[in-house]
Amino acid sequence: MTKENLQSVPQNTTASLVESNNDQTSLQMLQQSPKPSLLRLEQYIEKKDYEFACRELMVILEKMDANFGGVHDIEFDAPAQLAYLPEKLLIHFATRLANAITT
């Protein structure tokens, strides 16, 4: 991704690189989800797309900072058993985030 491409990306969108069948990389613009997503972070890391993983991590950390450490308004899935256990839900989130960061 060139510097010119980065400058032309609007602030409210997420750019994702998609490899086509002929090994050329094209820039596909996807509308950003209204909430930061732990799953999206994990997917970027799995694809070894570290630039976008870092961007998603920064959005997650900014949202946590704005929420005074809370994880509301951050998309992540958790076992249904944790729905009414906020402390355990936070531990689950933190464990997944730590695993993603250290991978």
PDB file of N, CA and C in Angstrom:
ATOM      1  N   MET A   1       0.862  -1.160   0.000  1.00  0.00           N
ATOM      2  CA  MET A   1       0.000   0.000   0.000  1.00  0.00           C
ATOM      3  C   MET A   1       0.908   1.222   0.000  1.00  0.00           C
ATOM      4  N   THR A   2       0.706   2.093  -0.938  1.00  0.00           N
ATOM      5  CA  THR A   2       1.562   3.262  -1.049  1.00  0.00           C
ATOM      6  C   THR A   2       1.073   4.380  -0.152  1.00  0.00           C
ATOM      7  N   LYS A   3       1.949   5.343   0.044  1.00  0.00           N
ATOM      8  CA  LYS A   3       1.602   6.485   0.887  1.00  0.00           C
ATOM      9  C   LYS A   3       0.404   7.243   0.312  1.00  0.00           C
ATOM     10  N   GLU A   4       0.347   7.354  -1.022  1.00  0.00           N
ATOM     11  CA  GLU A   4      -0.766   8.050  -1.658  1.00  0.00           C
ATOM     12  C   GLU A   4      -2.080   7.324  -1.391  1.00  0.00           C
ATOM     13  N   ASN A   5      -2.060   5.981  -1.430  1.00  0.00           N
ATOM     14  CA  ASN A   5      -3.273   5.210  -1.155  1.00  0.00           C
ATOM     15  C   ASN A   5      -3.741   5.427   0.273  1.00  0.00           C
ATOM     16  N   LEU A   6      -2.801   5.468   1.212  1.00  0.00           N
ATOM     17  CA  LEU A   6      -3.172   5.669   2.607  1.00  0.00           C
ATOM     18  C   LEU A   6      -3.784   7.043   2.818  1.00  0.00           C
ATOM     19  N   GLN A   7      -3.249   8.042   2.122  1.00  0.00           N
ATOM     20  CA  GLN A   7      -3.769   9.389   2.291  1.00  0.00           C
ATOM     21  C   GLN A   7      -5.153   9.540   1.684  1.00  0.00           C
ATOM     22  N   SER A   8      -5.472   8.733   0.672  1.00  0.00           N
ATOM     23  CA  SER A   8      -6.778   8.851   0.036  1.00  0.00           C
ATOM     24  C   SER A   8      -7.857   8.047   0.744  1.00  0.00           C
ATOM     25  N   VAL A   9      -7.482   7.272   1.766  1.00  0.00           N
ATOM     26  CA  VAL A   9      -8.462   6.488   2.511  1.00  0.00           C
ATOM     27  C   VAL A   9      -9.195   7.412   3.474  1.00  0.00           C
ATOM     28  N   PRO A  10     -10.520   7.487   3.381  1.00  0.00           N
ATOM     29  CA  PRO A  10     -11.270   8.329   4.316  1.00  0.00           C
ATOM     30  C   PRO A  10     -11.100   7.845   5.746  1.00  0.00           C
ATOM     31  N   GLN A  11     -11.245   8.736   6.701  1.00  0.00           N
ATOM     32  CA  GLN A  11     -11.039   8.416   8.106  1.00  0.00           C
ATOM     33  C   GLN A  11     -12.041   7.406   8.634  1.00  0.00           C
ATOM     34  N   ASN A  12     -13.251   7.354   8.089  1.00  0.00           N
ATOM     35  CA  ASN A  12     -14.286   6.499   8.652  1.00  0.00           C
ATOM     36  C   ASN A  12     -14.418   5.156   7.944  1.00  0.00           C
ATOM     37  N   THR A  13     -13.413   4.753   7.199  1.00  0.00           N
ATOM     38  CA  THR A  13     -13.469   3.457   6.532  1.00  0.00           C
ATOM     39  C   THR A  13     -12.246   2.649   6.879  1.00  0.00           C
ATOM     40  N   THR A  14     -12.373   1.359   6.681  1.00  0.00           N
ATOM     41  CA  THR A  14     -11.259   0.454   6.884  1.00  0.00           C
ATOM     42  C   THR A  14     -10.872  -0.107   5.534  1.00  0.00           C
ATOM     43  N   ALA A  15      -9.614  -0.012   5.214  1.00  0.00           N
ATOM     44  CA  ALA A  15      -9.145  -0.576   3.960  1.00  0.00           C
ATOM     45  C   ALA A  15      -8.632  -1.971   4.228  1.00  0.00           C
ATOM     46  N   SER A  16      -9.017  -2.902   3.406  1.00  0.00           N
ATOM     47  CA  SER A  16      -8.490  -4.249   3.559  1.00  0.00           C
ATOM     48  C   SER A  16      -7.922  -4.688   2.229  1.00  0.00           C
ATOM     49  N   LEU A  17      -6.779  -5.317   2.293  1.00  0.00           N
ATOM     50  CA  LEU A  17      -6.149  -5.812   1.089  1.00  0.00           C
ATOM     51  C   LEU A  17      -6.665  -7.209   0.820  1.00  0.00           C
ATOM     52  N   VAL A  18      -7.115  -7.427  -0.383  1.00  0.00           N
ATOM     53  CA  VAL A  18      -7.655  -8.716  -0.762  1.00  0.00           C
ATOM     54  C   VAL A  18      -6.825  -9.234  -1.919  1.00  0.00           C
ATOM     55  N   GLU A  19      -6.256 -10.430  -1.759  1.00  0.00           N
ATOM     56  CA  GLU A  19      -5.465 -11.000  -2.829  1.00  0.00           C
ATOM     57  C   GLU A  19      -6.392 -11.629  -3.852  1.00  0.00           C
ATOM     58  N   SER A  20      -6.206 -11.304  -5.105  1.00  0.00           N
ATOM     59  CA  SER A  20      -7.014 -11.888  -6.162  1.00  0.00           C
ATOM     60  C   SER A  20      -6.366 -13.183  -6.625  1.00  0.00           C
ATOM     61  N   ASN A  21      -7.060 -13.923  -7.493  1.00  0.00           N
ATOM     62  CA  ASN A  21      -6.579 -15.219  -7.954  1.00  0.00           C
ATOM     63  C   ASN A  21      -5.274 -15.113  -8.714  1.00  0.00           C
ATOM     64  N   ASN A  22      -5.015 -14.016  -9.376  1.00  0.00           N
ATOM     65  CA  ASN A  22      -3.786 -13.868 -10.147  1.00  0.00           C
ATOM     66  C   ASN A  22      -2.679 -13.209  -9.335  1.00  0.00           C
ATOM     67  N   ASP A  23      -2.730 -13.331  -8.022  1.00  0.00           N
ATOM     68  CA  ASP A  23      -1.704 -12.850  -7.096  1.00  0.00           C
ATOM     69  C   ASP A  23      -1.493 -11.340  -7.125  1.00  0.00           C
ATOM     70  N   GLN A  24      -2.432 -10.598  -7.688  1.00  0.00           N
ATOM     71  CA  GLN A  24      -2.347  -9.143  -7.617  1.00  0.00           C
ATOM     72  C   GLN A  24      -3.137  -8.703  -6.398  1.00  0.00           C
ATOM     73  N   THR A  25      -2.655  -7.665  -5.779  1.00  0.00           N
ATOM     74  CA  THR A  25      -3.335  -7.157  -4.592  1.00  0.00           C
ATOM     75  C   THR A  25      -4.143  -5.933  -4.981  1.00  0.00           C
ATOM     76  N   SER A  26      -5.406  -5.954  -4.631  1.00  0.00           N
ATOM     77  CA  SER A  26      -6.256  -4.803  -4.929  1.00  0.00           C
ATOM     78  C   SER A  26      -6.791  -4.231  -3.631  1.00  0.00           C
ATOM     79  N   LEU A  27      -7.011  -2.955  -3.627  1.00  0.00           N
ATOM     80  CA  LEU A  27      -7.523  -2.269  -2.438  1.00  0.00           C
ATOM     81  C   LEU A  27      -9.041  -2.288  -2.487  1.00  0.00           C
ATOM     82  N   GLN A  28      -9.634  -2.898  -1.473  1.00  0.00           N
ATOM     83  CA  GLN A  28     -11.095  -2.948  -1.393  1.00  0.00           C
ATOM     84  C   GLN A  28     -11.512  -2.157  -0.169  1.00  0.00           C
ATOM     85  N   MET A  29     -12.399  -1.212  -0.370  1.00  0.00           N
ATOM     86  CA  MET A  29     -12.853  -0.382   0.734  1.00  0.00           C
ATOM     87  C   MET A  29     -14.089  -1.007   1.353  1.00  0.00           C
ATOM     88  N   LEU A  30     -14.036  -1.206   2.632  1.00  0.00           N
ATOM     89  CA  LEU A  30     -15.172  -1.740   3.362  1.00  0.00           C
ATOM     90  C   LEU A  30     -15.601  -0.699   4.381  1.00  0.00           C
ATOM     91  N   GLN A  31     -16.875  -0.514   4.510  1.00  0.00           N
ATOM     92  CA  GLN A  31     -17.381   0.434   5.495  1.00  0.00           C
ATOM     93  C   GLN A  31     -17.046  -0.092   6.882  1.00  0.00           C
ATOM     94  N   GLN A  32     -16.511   0.732   7.710  1.00  0.00           N
ATOM     95  CA  GLN A  32     -16.109   0.320   9.045  1.00  0.00           C
ATOM     96  C   GLN A  32     -17.336   0.005   9.884  1.00  0.00           C
ATOM     97  N   SER A  33     -17.221  -1.073  10.627  1.00  0.00           N
ATOM     98  CA  SER A  33     -18.264  -1.443  11.570  1.00  0.00           C
ATOM     99  C   SER A  33     -18.380  -0.336  12.607  1.00  0.00           C
ATOM    100  N   PRO A  34     -19.574  -0.095  13.121  1.00  0.00           N
ATOM    101  CA  PRO A  34     -19.717   0.980  14.103  1.00  0.00           C
ATOM    102  C   PRO A  34     -18.961   0.711  15.405  1.00  0.00           C
ATOM    103  N   LYS A  35     -18.611  -0.533  15.662  1.00  0.00           N
ATOM    104  CA  LYS A  35     -17.907  -0.875  16.896  1.00  0.00           C
ATOM    105  C   LYS A  35     -16.574  -1.548  16.560  1.00  0.00           C
ATOM    106  N   PRO A  36     -15.548  -1.342  17.375  1.00  0.00           N
ATOM    107  CA  PRO A  36     -14.320  -2.112  17.205  1.00  0.00           C
ATOM    108  C   PRO A  36     -14.613  -3.582  17.479  1.00  0.00           C
ATOM    109  N   SER A  37     -13.823  -4.463  16.895  1.00  0.00           N
ATOM    110  CA  SER A  37     -14.132  -5.884  16.980  1.00  0.00           C
ATOM    111  C   SER A  37     -12.894  -6.705  17.340  1.00  0.00           C
ATOM    112  N   LEU A  38     -13.001  -7.476  18.410  1.00  0.00           N
ATOM    113  CA  LEU A  38     -11.930  -8.387  18.803  1.00  0.00           C
ATOM    114  C   LEU A  38     -11.788  -9.505  17.777  1.00  0.00           C
ATOM    115  N   LEU A  39     -12.898  -9.977  17.239  1.00  0.00           N
ATOM    116  CA  LEU A  39     -12.856 -11.030  16.225  1.00  0.00           C
ATOM    117  C   LEU A  39     -12.128 -10.548  14.975  1.00  0.00           C
ATOM    118  N   ARG A  40     -12.383  -9.310  14.554  1.00  0.00           N
ATOM    119  CA  ARG A  40     -11.698  -8.758  13.394  1.00  0.00           C
ATOM    120  C   ARG A  40     -10.192  -8.670  13.657  1.00  0.00           C
ATOM    121  N   LEU A  41      -9.803  -8.275  14.864  1.00  0.00           N
ATOM    122  CA  LEU A  41      -8.389  -8.234  15.239  1.00  0.00           C
ATOM    123  C   LEU A  41      -7.772  -9.621  15.115  1.00  0.00           C
ATOM    124  N   GLU A  42      -8.445 -10.625  15.649  1.00  0.00           N
ATOM    125  CA  GLU A  42      -7.934 -11.998  15.581  1.00  0.00           C
ATOM    126  C   GLU A  42      -7.826 -12.484  14.137  1.00  0.00           C
ATOM    127  N   GLN A  43      -8.772 -12.105  13.292  1.00  0.00           N
ATOM    128  CA  GLN A  43      -8.728 -12.507  11.887  1.00  0.00           C
ATOM    129  C   GLN A  43      -7.561 -11.854  11.162  1.00  0.00           C
ATOM    130  N   TYR A  44      -7.311 -10.571  11.421  1.00  0.00           N
ATOM    131  CA  TYR A  44      -6.164  -9.899  10.808  1.00  0.00           C
ATOM    132  C   TYR A  44      -4.865 -10.568  11.230  1.00  0.00           C
ATOM    133  N   ILE A  45      -4.756 -10.934  12.487  1.00  0.00           N
ATOM    134  CA  ILE A  45      -3.543 -11.585  12.971  1.00  0.00           C
ATOM    135  C   ILE A  45      -3.386 -12.957  12.335  1.00  0.00           C
ATOM    136  N   GLU A  46      -4.484 -13.690  12.212  1.00  0.00           N
ATOM    137  CA  GLU A  46      -4.432 -15.015  11.587  1.00  0.00           C
ATOM    138  C   GLU A  46      -3.954 -14.920  10.140  1.00  0.00           C
ATOM    139  N   LYS A  47      -4.371 -13.841   9.435  1.00  0.00           N
ATOM    140  CA  LYS A  47      -3.951 -13.637   8.047  1.00  0.00           C
ATOM    141  C   LYS A  47      -2.556 -13.017   7.954  1.00  0.00           C
ATOM    142  N   LYS A  48      -1.959 -12.715   9.111  1.00  0.00           N
ATOM    143  CA  LYS A  48      -0.658 -12.047   9.190  1.00  0.00           C
ATOM    144  C   LYS A  48      -0.704 -10.653   8.544  1.00  0.00           C
ATOM    145  N   ASP A  49      -1.852 -10.018   8.643  1.00  0.00           N
ATOM    146  CA  ASP A  49      -2.037  -8.657   8.151  1.00  0.00           C
ATOM    147  C   ASP A  49      -1.844  -7.721   9.346  1.00  0.00           C
ATOM    148  N   TYR A  50      -0.587  -7.549   9.727  1.00  0.00           N
ATOM    149  CA  TYR A  50      -0.262  -6.870  10.977  1.00  0.00           C
ATOM    150  C   TYR A  50      -0.573  -5.377  10.958  1.00  0.00           C
ATOM    151  N   GLU A  51      -0.522  -4.758   9.796  1.00  0.00           N
ATOM    152  CA  GLU A  51      -0.842  -3.330   9.726  1.00  0.00           C
ATOM    153  C   GLU A  51      -2.295  -3.089  10.145  1.00  0.00           C
ATOM    154  N   PHE A  52      -3.212  -3.858   9.586  1.00  0.00           N
ATOM    155  CA  PHE A  52      -4.618  -3.690   9.927  1.00  0.00           C
ATOM    156  C   PHE A  52      -4.921  -4.225  11.320  1.00  0.00           C
ATOM    157  N   ALA A  53      -4.160  -5.224  11.756  1.00  0.00           N
ATOM    158  CA  ALA A  53      -4.321  -5.715  13.127  1.00  0.00           C
ATOM    159  C   ALA A  53      -3.957  -4.612  14.117  1.00  0.00           C
ATOM    160  N   CYS A  54      -2.876  -3.900  13.845  1.00  0.00           N
ATOM    161  CA  CYS A  54      -2.479  -2.792  14.730  1.00  0.00           C
ATOM    162  C   CYS A  54      -3.516  -1.680  14.725  1.00  0.00           C
ATOM    163  N   ARG A  55      -4.082  -1.407  13.567  1.00  0.00           N
ATOM    164  CA  ARG A  55      -5.125  -0.376  13.498  1.00  0.00           C
ATOM    165  C   ARG A  55      -6.341  -0.780  14.324  1.00  0.00           C
ATOM    166  N   GLU A  56      -6.751  -2.047  14.193  1.00  0.00           N
ATOM    167  CA  GLU A  56      -7.916  -2.517  14.952  1.00  0.00           C
ATOM    168  C   GLU A  56      -7.607  -2.511  16.447  1.00  0.00           C
ATOM    169  N   LEU A  57      -6.390  -2.909  16.819  1.00  0.00           N
ATOM    170  CA  LEU A  57      -5.992  -2.888  18.221  1.00  0.00           C
ATOM    171  C   LEU A  57      -6.052  -1.468  18.777  1.00  0.00           C
ATOM    172  N   MET A  58      -5.578  -0.503  18.008  1.00  0.00           N
ATOM    173  CA  MET A  58      -5.624   0.887  18.464  1.00  0.00           C
ATOM    174  C   MET A  58      -7.066   1.356  18.664  1.00  0.00           C
ATOM    175  N   VAL A  59      -7.965   0.957  17.775  1.00  0.00           N
ATOM    176  CA  VAL A  59      -9.376   1.342  17.912  1.00  0.00           C
ATOM    177  C   VAL A  59      -9.966   0.706  19.168  1.00  0.00           C
ATOM    178  N   ILE A  60      -9.627  -0.559  19.425  1.00  0.00           N
ATOM    179  CA  ILE A  60     -10.112  -1.249  20.628  1.00  0.00           C
ATOM    180  C   ILE A  60      -9.591  -0.548  21.879  1.00  0.00           C
ATOM    181  N   LEU A  61      -8.296  -0.235  21.900  1.00  0.00           N
ATOM    182  CA  LEU A  61      -7.710   0.414  23.074  1.00  0.00           C
ATOM    183  C   LEU A  61      -8.270   1.821  23.283  1.00  0.00           C
ATOM    184  N   GLU A  62      -8.513   2.538  22.188  1.00  0.00           N
ATOM    185  CA  GLU A  62      -9.119   3.869  22.311  1.00  0.00           C
ATOM    186  C   GLU A  62     -10.524   3.771  22.897  1.00  0.00           C
ATOM    187  N   LYS A  63     -11.287   2.764  22.461  1.00  0.00           N
ATOM    188  CA  LYS A  63     -12.647   2.587  22.987  1.00  0.00           C
ATOM    189  C   LYS A  63     -12.594   2.209  24.463  1.00  0.00           C
ATOM    190  N   MET A  64     -11.650   1.344  24.842  1.00  0.00           N
ATOM    191  CA  MET A  64     -11.504   0.975  26.253  1.00  0.00           C
ATOM    192  C   MET A  64     -11.115   2.196  27.085  1.00  0.00           C
ATOM    193  N   ASP A  65     -10.247   3.039  26.542  1.00  0.00           N
ATOM    194  CA  ASP A  65      -9.847   4.256  27.247  1.00  0.00           C
ATOM    195  C   ASP A  65     -11.047   5.182  27.431  1.00  0.00           C
ATOM    196  N   ALA A  66     -11.838   5.326  26.385  1.00  0.00           N
ATOM    197  CA  ALA A  66     -13.032   6.176  26.473  1.00  0.00           C
ATOM    198  C   ALA A  66     -14.055   5.614  27.457  1.00  0.00           C
ATOM    199  N   ASN A  67     -14.072   4.284  27.613  1.00  0.00           N
ATOM    200  CA  ASN A  67     -15.011   3.621  28.528  1.00  0.00           C
ATOM    201  C   ASN A  67     -14.413   3.415  29.919  1.00  0.00           C
ATOM    202  N   PHE A  68     -13.269   4.049  30.202  1.00  0.00           N
ATOM    203  CA  PHE A  68     -12.601   3.903  31.499  1.00  0.00           C
ATOM    204  C   PHE A  68     -12.319   2.438  31.820  1.00  0.00           C
ATOM    205  N   GLY A  69     -11.841   1.699  30.814  1.00  0.00           N
ATOM    206  CA  GLY A  69     -11.483   0.295  30.995  1.00  0.00           C
ATOM    207  C   GLY A  69     -12.597  -0.680  30.707  1.00  0.00           C
ATOM    208  N   GLY A  70     -13.781  -0.191  30.443  1.00  0.00           N
ATOM    209  CA  GLY A  70     -14.908  -1.077  30.138  1.00  0.00           C
ATOM    210  C   GLY A  70     -14.835  -1.606  28.717  1.00  0.00           C
ATOM    211  N   VAL A  71     -15.498  -2.720  28.479  1.00  0.00           N
ATOM    212  CA  VAL A  71     -15.465  -3.344  27.157  1.00  0.00           C
ATOM    213  C   VAL A  71     -16.801  -3.222  26.428  1.00  0.00           C
ATOM    214  N   HIS A  72     -17.736  -2.431  26.974  1.00  0.00           N
ATOM    215  CA  HIS A  72     -18.984  -2.250  26.237  1.00  0.00           C
ATOM    216  C   HIS A  72     -18.694  -1.451  24.973  1.00  0.00           C
ATOM    217  N   ASP A  73     -19.471  -1.677  23.952  1.00  0.00           N
ATOM    218  CA  ASP A  73     -19.288  -1.100  22.618  1.00  0.00           C
ATOM    219  C   ASP A  73     -18.088  -1.680  21.886  1.00  0.00           C
ATOM    220  N   ILE A  74     -17.592  -2.838  22.319  1.00  0.00           N
ATOM    221  CA  ILE A  74     -16.558  -3.576  21.601  1.00  0.00           C
ATOM    222  C   ILE A  74     -17.162  -4.931  21.264  1.00  0.00           C
ATOM    223  N   GLU A  75     -17.148  -5.277  19.983  1.00  0.00           N
ATOM    224  CA  GLU A  75     -17.744  -6.541  19.557  1.00  0.00           C
ATOM    225  C   GLU A  75     -16.810  -7.705  19.889  1.00  0.00           C
ATOM    226  N   PHE A  76     -17.332  -8.676  20.609  1.00  0.00           N
ATOM    227  CA  PHE A  76     -16.632  -9.939  20.834  1.00  0.00           C
ATOM    228  C   PHE A  76     -17.659 -10.956  21.282  1.00  0.00           C
ATOM    229  N   ASP A  77     -17.398 -12.214  20.946  1.00  0.00           N
ATOM    230  CA  ASP A  77     -18.320 -13.260  21.354  1.00  0.00           C
ATOM    231  C   ASP A  77     -17.757 -13.965  22.578  1.00  0.00           C
ATOM    232  N   ALA A  78     -18.655 -14.462  23.384  1.00  0.00           N
ATOM    233  CA  ALA A  78     -18.279 -15.154  24.619  1.00  0.00           C
ATOM    234  C   ALA A  78     -19.314 -16.239  24.880  1.00  0.00           C
ATOM    235  N   PRO A  79     -18.947 -17.238  25.665  1.00  0.00           N
ATOM    236  CA  PRO A  79     -19.920 -18.278  26.006  1.00  0.00           C
ATOM    237  C   PRO A  79     -21.147 -17.681  26.696  1.00  0.00           C
ATOM    238  N   ALA A  80     -22.296 -18.252  26.409  1.00  0.00           N
ATOM    239  CA  ALA A  80     -23.559 -17.753  26.974  1.00  0.00           C
ATOM    240  C   ALA A  80     -23.559 -17.800  28.496  1.00  0.00           C
ATOM    241  N   GLN A  81     -22.796 -18.714  29.088  1.00  0.00           N
ATOM    242  CA  GLN A  81     -22.750 -18.840  30.545  1.00  0.00           C
ATOM    243  C   GLN A  81     -22.190 -17.586  31.208  1.00  0.00           C
ATOM    244  N   LEU A  82     -21.456 -16.777  30.454  1.00  0.00           N
ATOM    245  CA  LEU A  82     -20.828 -15.583  31.022  1.00  0.00           C
ATOM    246  C   LEU A  82     -21.703 -14.336  30.906  1.00  0.00           C
ATOM    247  N   ALA A  83     -22.877 -14.472  30.324  1.00  0.00           N
ATOM    248  CA  ALA A  83     -23.731 -13.313  30.050  1.00  0.00           C
ATOM    249  C   ALA A  83     -24.049 -12.499  31.300  1.00  0.00           C
ATOM    250  N   TYR A  84     -24.244 -13.148  32.437  1.00  0.00           N
ATOM    251  CA  TYR A  84     -24.618 -12.437  33.672  1.00  0.00           C
ATOM    252  C   TYR A  84     -23.486 -12.412  34.696  1.00  0.00           C
ATOM    253  N   LEU A  85     -22.271 -12.660  34.217  1.00  0.00           N
ATOM    254  CA  LEU A  85     -21.090 -12.624  35.085  1.00  0.00           C
ATOM    255  C   LEU A  85     -20.096 -11.613  34.508  1.00  0.00           C
ATOM    256  N   PRO A  86     -20.290 -10.330  34.776  1.00  0.00           N
ATOM    257  CA  PRO A  86     -19.462  -9.305  34.130  1.00  0.00           C
ATOM    258  C   PRO A  86     -17.969  -9.445  34.408  1.00  0.00           C
ATOM    259  N   GLU A  87     -17.606  -9.875  35.614  1.00  0.00           N
ATOM    260  CA  GLU A  87     -16.181 -10.036  35.921  1.00  0.00           C
ATOM    261  C   GLU A  87     -15.570 -11.153  35.075  1.00  0.00           C
ATOM    262  N   LYS A  88     -16.279 -12.269  34.959  1.00  0.00           N
ATOM    263  CA  LYS A  88     -15.790 -13.393  34.143  1.00  0.00           C
ATOM    264  C   LYS A  88     -15.768 -13.023  32.661  1.00  0.00           C
ATOM    265  N   LEU A  89     -16.748 -12.229  32.230  1.00  0.00           N
ATOM    266  CA  LEU A  89     -16.792 -11.776  30.846  1.00  0.00           C
ATOM    267  C   LEU A  89     -15.583 -10.896  30.534  1.00  0.00           C
ATOM    268  N   LEU A  90     -15.222 -10.030  31.464  1.00  0.00           N
ATOM    269  CA  LEU A  90     -14.051  -9.176  31.298  1.00  0.00           C
ATOM    270  C   LEU A  90     -12.768 -10.004  31.257  1.00  0.00           C
ATOM    271  N   ILE A  91     -12.687 -11.026  32.091  1.00  0.00           N
ATOM    272  CA  ILE A  91     -11.522 -11.922  32.084  1.00  0.00           C
ATOM    273  C   ILE A  91     -11.422 -12.639  30.745  1.00  0.00           C
ATOM    274  N   HIS A  92     -12.558 -13.102  30.230  1.00  0.00           N
ATOM    275  CA  HIS A  92     -12.583 -13.777  28.925  1.00  0.00           C
ATOM    276  C   HIS A  92     -12.079 -12.833  27.827  1.00  0.00           C
ATOM    277  N   PHE A  93     -12.571 -11.603  27.828  1.00  0.00           N
ATOM    278  CA  PHE A  93     -12.146 -10.607  26.842  1.00  0.00           C
ATOM    279  C   PHE A  93     -10.648 -10.342  26.957  1.00  0.00           C
ATOM    280  N   ALA A  94     -10.180 -10.110  28.177  1.00  0.00           N
ATOM    281  CA  ALA A  94      -8.764  -9.785  28.393  1.00  0.00           C
ATOM    282  C   ALA A  94      -7.858 -10.939  27.978  1.00  0.00           C
ATOM    283  N   THR A  95      -8.294 -12.163  28.227  1.00  0.00           N
ATOM    284  CA  THR A  95      -7.503 -13.333  27.838  1.00  0.00           C
ATOM    285  C   THR A  95      -7.387 -13.421  26.321  1.00  0.00           C
ATOM    286  N   ARG A  96      -8.496 -13.216  25.630  1.00  0.00           N
ATOM    287  CA  ARG A  96      -8.460 -13.260  24.161  1.00  0.00           C
ATOM    288  C   ARG A  96      -7.621 -12.123  23.592  1.00  0.00           C
ATOM    289  N   LEU A  97      -7.739 -10.940  24.172  1.00  0.00           N
ATOM    290  CA  LEU A  97      -6.958  -9.800  23.700  1.00  0.00           C
ATOM    291  C   LEU A  97      -5.466 -10.041  23.929  1.00  0.00           C
ATOM    292  N   ALA A  98      -5.105 -10.538  25.107  1.00  0.00           N
ATOM    293  CA  ALA A  98      -3.698 -10.830  25.405  1.00  0.00           C
ATOM    294  C   ALA A  98      -3.156 -11.899  24.465  1.00  0.00           C
ATOM    295  N   ASN A  99      -3.957 -12.916  24.185  1.00  0.00           N
ATOM    296  CA  ASN A  99      -3.532 -13.969  23.266  1.00  0.00           C
ATOM    297  C   ASN A  99      -3.309 -13.402  21.866  1.00  0.00           C
ATOM    298  N   ALA A 100      -4.201 -12.535  21.420  1.00  0.00           N
ATOM    299  CA  ALA A 100      -4.054 -11.936  20.091  1.00  0.00           C
ATOM    300  C   ALA A 100      -2.797 -11.073  20.013  1.00  0.00           C
ATOM    301  N   ILE A 101      -2.540 -10.303  21.053  1.00  0.00           N
ATOM    302  CA  ILE A 101      -1.386  -9.401  21.048  1.00  0.00           C
ATOM    303  C   ILE A 101      -0.072 -10.174  21.060  1.00  0.00           C
ATOM    304  N   THR A 102      -0.031 -11.276  21.782  1.00  0.00           N
ATOM    305  CA  THR A 102       1.231 -12.015  21.926  1.00  0.00           C
ATOM    306  C   THR A 102       1.429 -13.082  20.862  1.00  0.00           C
ATOM    307  N   THR A 103       0.507 -13.199  19.932  1.00  0.00           N
ATOM    308  CA  THR A 103       0.642 -14.205  18.870  1.00  0.00           C
ATOM    309  C   THR A 103       1.606 -13.722  17.819  1.00  0.00           C
TER     310      THR A 103
END
